[in-house]
Amino acid sequence: MVFDLDGTLADTVPVCVAAFRSAFERFQGRRYTDEEIKALFGPTEEGSCRRAVPDDWKGCLEAYLDAYESAHAELTEPFPGIEDALRLLNERGVATAVVTGKGPISARISLRRLGLEPYFEFVETGSPDGPIKPESLRKVLAKWSMEPHETAYVGDVVYDMEAAAEVGMIALGAAWAENSTVHEARSTKLGAVFYDVCSLIGWIETNVPEASSRQSYGG
């Protein structure tokens, strides 16, 4: 089972917005609105900084990452139930990975701050050129030597569901975050939608058999 990060494992979007606002204000001299910042989402932070501050994107990215680390100090817990879900998968011998549009440094900061690093075998991050989740999901499948229909991707936005469907994975909608858009996805692309993590845990208990022959990840 593969998980998105922002808005799926934890409510990290406000941390992203705060960090971008701090960096852009420093390098652009004005305060960006939430909407302006979210309009830059899609590529990694490097890509967003290149678009917003093309003349000094490296300095902007460094400022973003510093601000991101600082802002994350206020967010040290994943969504309620996430660790229970990961622990259940671990107990059943089910491998888990992360596929996110974040850059590698911010993804590592979040997983460390949230205490979730030990649960994931692989972390595939995004591209500064734009969204690449289908490609990232295929990389995970190749590493696991698994067929798409044997795996599921849990994400909180329409693009996550589309990416999973494109690859042939089971698309599981995480609708527990305030800004989730999975309910807008075409029903043919959705395996299931969950409005709380407890419901996802119930789905795992019913649909994911124990696989004692698989290696167990996490701790």
Protein backbone atom coordinates (compact mmCIF):
# COMPACT_ATOMS: atom_id res chain seq x y z
CA MET A 1 0.00 0.00 0.00
CA VAL A 2 1.32 3.40 -1.04
CA PHE A 3 0.48 6.71 0.63
CA ASP A 4 0.50 10.33 -0.41
CA LEU A 5 1.93 12.65 2.25
CA ASP A 6 0.45 16.17 2.38
CA GLY A 7 -3.20 16.00 3.43
CA THR A 8 -3.11 12.20 3.68
CA LEU A 9 -0.64 11.28 6.40
CA ALA A 10 -0.86 14.64 8.18
CA ASP A 11 -2.25 18.15 7.84
CA THR A 12 0.99 19.50 6.43
CA VAL A 13 -0.48 21.86 3.83
CA PRO A 14 -0.60 24.79 6.31
CA VAL A 15 3.09 24.16 7.03
CA CYS A 16 3.86 24.33 3.30
CA VAL A 17 1.87 27.55 2.91
CA ALA A 18 3.51 29.21 5.91
CA ALA A 19 6.99 28.28 4.69
CA PHE A 20 6.35 29.56 1.17
CA ARG A 21 4.86 32.79 2.49
CA SER A 22 7.95 33.40 4.63
CA ALA A 23 10.36 32.67 1.79
CA PHE A 24 8.46 34.65 -0.84
CA GLU A 25 8.04 37.66 1.44
CA ARG A 26 11.78 37.66 2.05
CA PHE A 27 12.69 37.45 -1.64
CA GLN A 28 9.74 39.22 -3.28
CA GLY A 29 8.99 41.82 -0.64
CA ARG A 30 5.28 41.11 -0.52
CA ARG A 31 2.92 38.78 1.29
CA TYR A 32 1.45 36.05 -0.90
CA THR A 33 -2.13 34.91 -0.23
CA ASP A 34 -2.97 31.27 0.42
CA GLU A 35 -4.54 31.04 -3.03
CA GLU A 36 -1.46 32.45 -4.76
CA ILE A 37 0.76 29.98 -2.95
CA LYS A 38 -1.44 26.95 -3.64
CA ALA A 39 -1.55 27.93 -7.32
CA LEU A 40 2.18 27.16 -7.38
CA PHE A 41 1.69 23.61 -6.03
CA GLY A 42 2.36 20.72 -8.41
CA PRO A 43 6.10 20.74 -8.92
CA THR A 44 8.44 20.29 -5.97
CA GLU A 45 9.38 23.30 -3.87
CA GLU A 46 12.35 23.83 -6.17
CA GLY A 47 9.99 24.20 -9.12
CA SER A 48 7.71 26.58 -7.21
CA CYS A 49 10.67 28.75 -6.19
CA ARG A 50 11.96 28.80 -9.76
CA ARG A 51 8.60 30.10 -10.94
CA ALA A 52 8.17 32.70 -8.19
CA VAL A 53 11.78 33.88 -7.77
CA PRO A 54 13.61 32.94 -10.99
CA ASP A 55 16.59 35.21 -10.29
CA ASP A 56 17.39 33.70 -6.90
CA TRP A 57 15.43 30.47 -6.65
CA LYS A 58 18.23 28.63 -4.84
CA GLY A 59 18.23 31.19 -2.03
CA CYS A 60 14.44 31.09 -1.94
CA LEU A 61 14.46 27.29 -1.72
CA GLU A 62 16.95 27.37 1.15
CA ALA A 63 14.78 29.93 2.96
CA TYR A 64 11.71 27.76 2.32
CA LEU A 65 13.31 24.66 3.78
CA ASP A 66 14.50 26.55 6.87
CA ALA A 67 11.01 27.97 7.37
CA TYR A 68 9.46 24.56 6.72
CA GLU A 69 11.57 22.91 9.40
CA SER A 70 10.68 25.66 11.88
CA ALA A 71 6.96 25.62 11.10
CA HIS A 72 6.86 21.82 11.36
CA ALA A 73 7.88 22.07 15.01
CA GLU A 74 4.21 22.84 15.67
CA LEU A 75 3.06 19.71 13.82
CA THR A 76 4.47 16.51 15.24
CA GLU A 77 1.47 14.18 14.95
CA PRO A 78 -0.05 12.53 11.88
CA PHE A 79 -3.81 12.41 11.42
CA PRO A 80 -5.46 10.39 14.20
CA GLY A 81 -5.36 6.70 13.34
CA ILE A 82 -2.64 6.89 10.68
CA GLU A 83 -0.04 5.21 12.82
CA ASP A 84 -2.58 2.53 13.78
CA ALA A 85 -3.22 1.87 10.08
CA LEU A 86 0.49 1.65 9.31
CA ARG A 87 1.06 -0.60 12.30
CA LEU A 88 -1.74 -2.91 11.12
CA LEU A 89 -0.22 -3.15 7.66
CA ASN A 90 3.16 -3.82 9.24
CA GLU A 91 1.70 -6.60 11.38
CA ARG A 92 0.17 -8.20 8.29
CA GLY A 93 3.46 -8.11 6.46
CA VAL A 94 2.26 -5.58 3.90
CA ALA A 95 4.97 -3.34 2.45
CA THR A 96 4.30 0.40 2.50
CA ALA A 97 5.77 3.34 0.60
CA VAL A 98 5.21 7.05 0.08
CA VAL A 99 4.68 8.74 -3.27
CA THR A 100 4.52 12.50 -2.88
CA GLY A 101 4.91 15.61 -4.99
CA LYS A 102 7.17 17.11 -2.32
CA GLY A 103 10.89 17.46 -2.71
CA PRO A 104 13.20 14.99 -0.96
CA ILE A 105 14.32 17.30 1.86
CA SER A 106 10.85 18.49 2.89
CA ALA A 107 9.48 14.94 2.65
CA ARG A 108 12.24 13.71 4.94
CA ILE A 109 11.57 16.57 7.38
CA SER A 110 7.87 15.72 7.55
CA LEU A 111 8.31 11.98 7.99
CA ARG A 112 10.91 12.56 10.69
CA ARG A 113 8.84 15.18 12.54
CA LEU A 114 5.77 12.92 12.36
CA GLY A 115 7.67 9.86 13.55
CA LEU A 116 6.65 7.88 10.46
CA GLU A 117 10.02 7.23 8.80
CA PRO A 118 10.35 3.63 10.06
CA TYR A 119 7.11 2.51 8.40
CA PHE A 120 8.06 3.15 4.80
CA GLU A 121 10.41 1.12 2.66
CA PHE A 122 10.51 3.63 -0.20
CA VAL A 123 9.84 7.34 -0.53
CA GLU A 124 9.39 8.60 -4.10
CA THR A 125 9.38 12.39 -4.35
CA GLY A 126 8.27 14.80 -7.07
CA SER A 127 9.89 16.76 -9.89
CA PRO A 128 10.67 20.49 -10.18
CA ASP A 129 9.15 20.32 -13.67
CA GLY A 130 5.67 19.27 -12.54
CA PRO A 131 3.57 16.34 -11.30
CA ILE A 132 4.96 12.85 -12.01
CA LYS A 133 2.97 10.57 -9.70
CA PRO A 134 2.13 7.87 -12.26
CA GLU A 135 5.84 7.52 -12.99
CA SER A 136 6.64 7.43 -9.27
CA LEU A 137 3.98 4.79 -8.60
CA ARG A 138 5.40 2.63 -11.40
CA LYS A 139 8.84 2.93 -9.81
CA VAL A 140 7.48 1.57 -6.53
CA LEU A 141 5.75 -1.31 -8.32
CA ALA A 142 8.99 -2.16 -10.11
CA LYS A 143 10.94 -2.15 -6.86
CA TRP A 144 8.37 -4.48 -5.29
CA SER A 145 8.00 -6.60 -8.45
CA MET A 146 4.24 -6.37 -8.01
CA GLU A 147 1.32 -6.03 -10.40
CA PRO A 148 -0.70 -2.80 -10.14
CA HIS A 149 -3.92 -4.56 -9.12
CA GLU A 150 -2.10 -6.00 -6.10
CA THR A 151 -1.47 -2.54 -4.66
CA ALA A 152 -3.41 0.54 -3.55
CA TYR A 153 -2.61 4.24 -3.46
CA VAL A 154 -4.13 6.39 -0.71
CA GLY A 155 -4.36 10.08 -1.56
CA ASP A 156 -6.43 13.16 -0.82
CA VAL A 157 -6.89 14.92 -4.18
CA VAL A 158 -8.35 14.12 -7.59
CA TYR A 159 -4.90 13.89 -9.19
CA ASP A 160 -3.92 11.12 -6.77
CA MET A 161 -6.94 9.09 -7.81
CA GLU A 162 -6.26 9.72 -11.49
CA ALA A 163 -2.62 8.71 -11.10
CA ALA A 164 -3.56 5.46 -9.35
CA ALA A 165 -6.18 4.65 -11.99
CA GLU A 166 -3.74 5.41 -14.82
CA VAL A 167 -1.27 2.93 -13.40
CA GLY A 168 -3.94 0.33 -12.63
CA MET A 169 -3.70 0.49 -8.85
CA ILE A 170 -6.65 0.56 -6.46
CA ALA A 171 -7.44 4.24 -5.79
CA LEU A 172 -8.38 4.92 -2.16
CA GLY A 173 -9.59 8.43 -1.37
CA ALA A 174 -8.47 10.05 1.88
CA ALA A 175 -11.29 12.52 2.52
CA TRP A 176 -10.46 13.19 6.16
CA ALA A 177 -8.52 16.41 5.44
CA GLU A 178 -10.45 19.67 5.18
CA ASN A 179 -9.12 20.43 1.70
CA SER A 180 -9.54 16.95 0.24
CA THR A 181 -10.97 16.88 -3.30
CA VAL A 182 -11.24 13.13 -3.89
CA HIS A 183 -15.05 13.33 -3.93
CA GLU A 184 -14.70 15.27 -7.19
CA ALA A 185 -12.99 12.35 -8.94
CA ARG A 186 -14.96 10.28 -11.44
CA SER A 187 -16.49 7.30 -9.67
CA THR A 188 -14.87 4.93 -12.15
CA LYS A 189 -11.47 5.97 -10.82
CA LEU A 190 -12.31 5.35 -7.16
CA GLY A 191 -11.95 2.09 -5.31
CA ALA A 192 -13.31 3.62 -2.11
CA VAL A 193 -13.47 6.93 -0.25
CA PHE A 194 -12.90 7.25 3.50
CA TYR A 195 -13.99 10.21 5.60
CA ASP A 196 -11.94 9.13 8.61
CA VAL A 197 -8.89 6.94 9.10
CA CYS A 198 -10.91 4.47 11.16
CA SER A 199 -12.87 3.59 8.02
CA LEU A 200 -9.62 2.98 6.15
CA ILE A 201 -8.50 0.67 8.94
CA GLY A 202 -11.77 -1.24 8.57
CA TRP A 203 -11.15 -1.57 4.83
CA ILE A 204 -7.65 -2.91 5.50
CA GLU A 205 -8.97 -5.44 7.99
CA THR A 206 -11.52 -6.69 5.45
CA ASN A 207 -9.56 -6.49 2.21
CA VAL A 208 -5.90 -6.94 3.07
CA PRO A 209 -5.12 -10.51 4.10
CA GLU A 210 -2.20 -11.37 6.29
CA ALA A 211 0.84 -12.13 4.19
CA SER A 212 3.27 -13.82 6.51
CA SER A 213 5.61 -14.63 3.65
CA ARG A 214 6.24 -10.93 2.94
CA GLN A 215 8.96 -8.98 4.70
CA SER A 216 7.61 -6.72 7.43
CA TYR A 217 8.58 -3.05 7.38
CA GLY A 218 8.36 -0.46 10.13
CA GLY A 219 8.62 -0.60 13.86
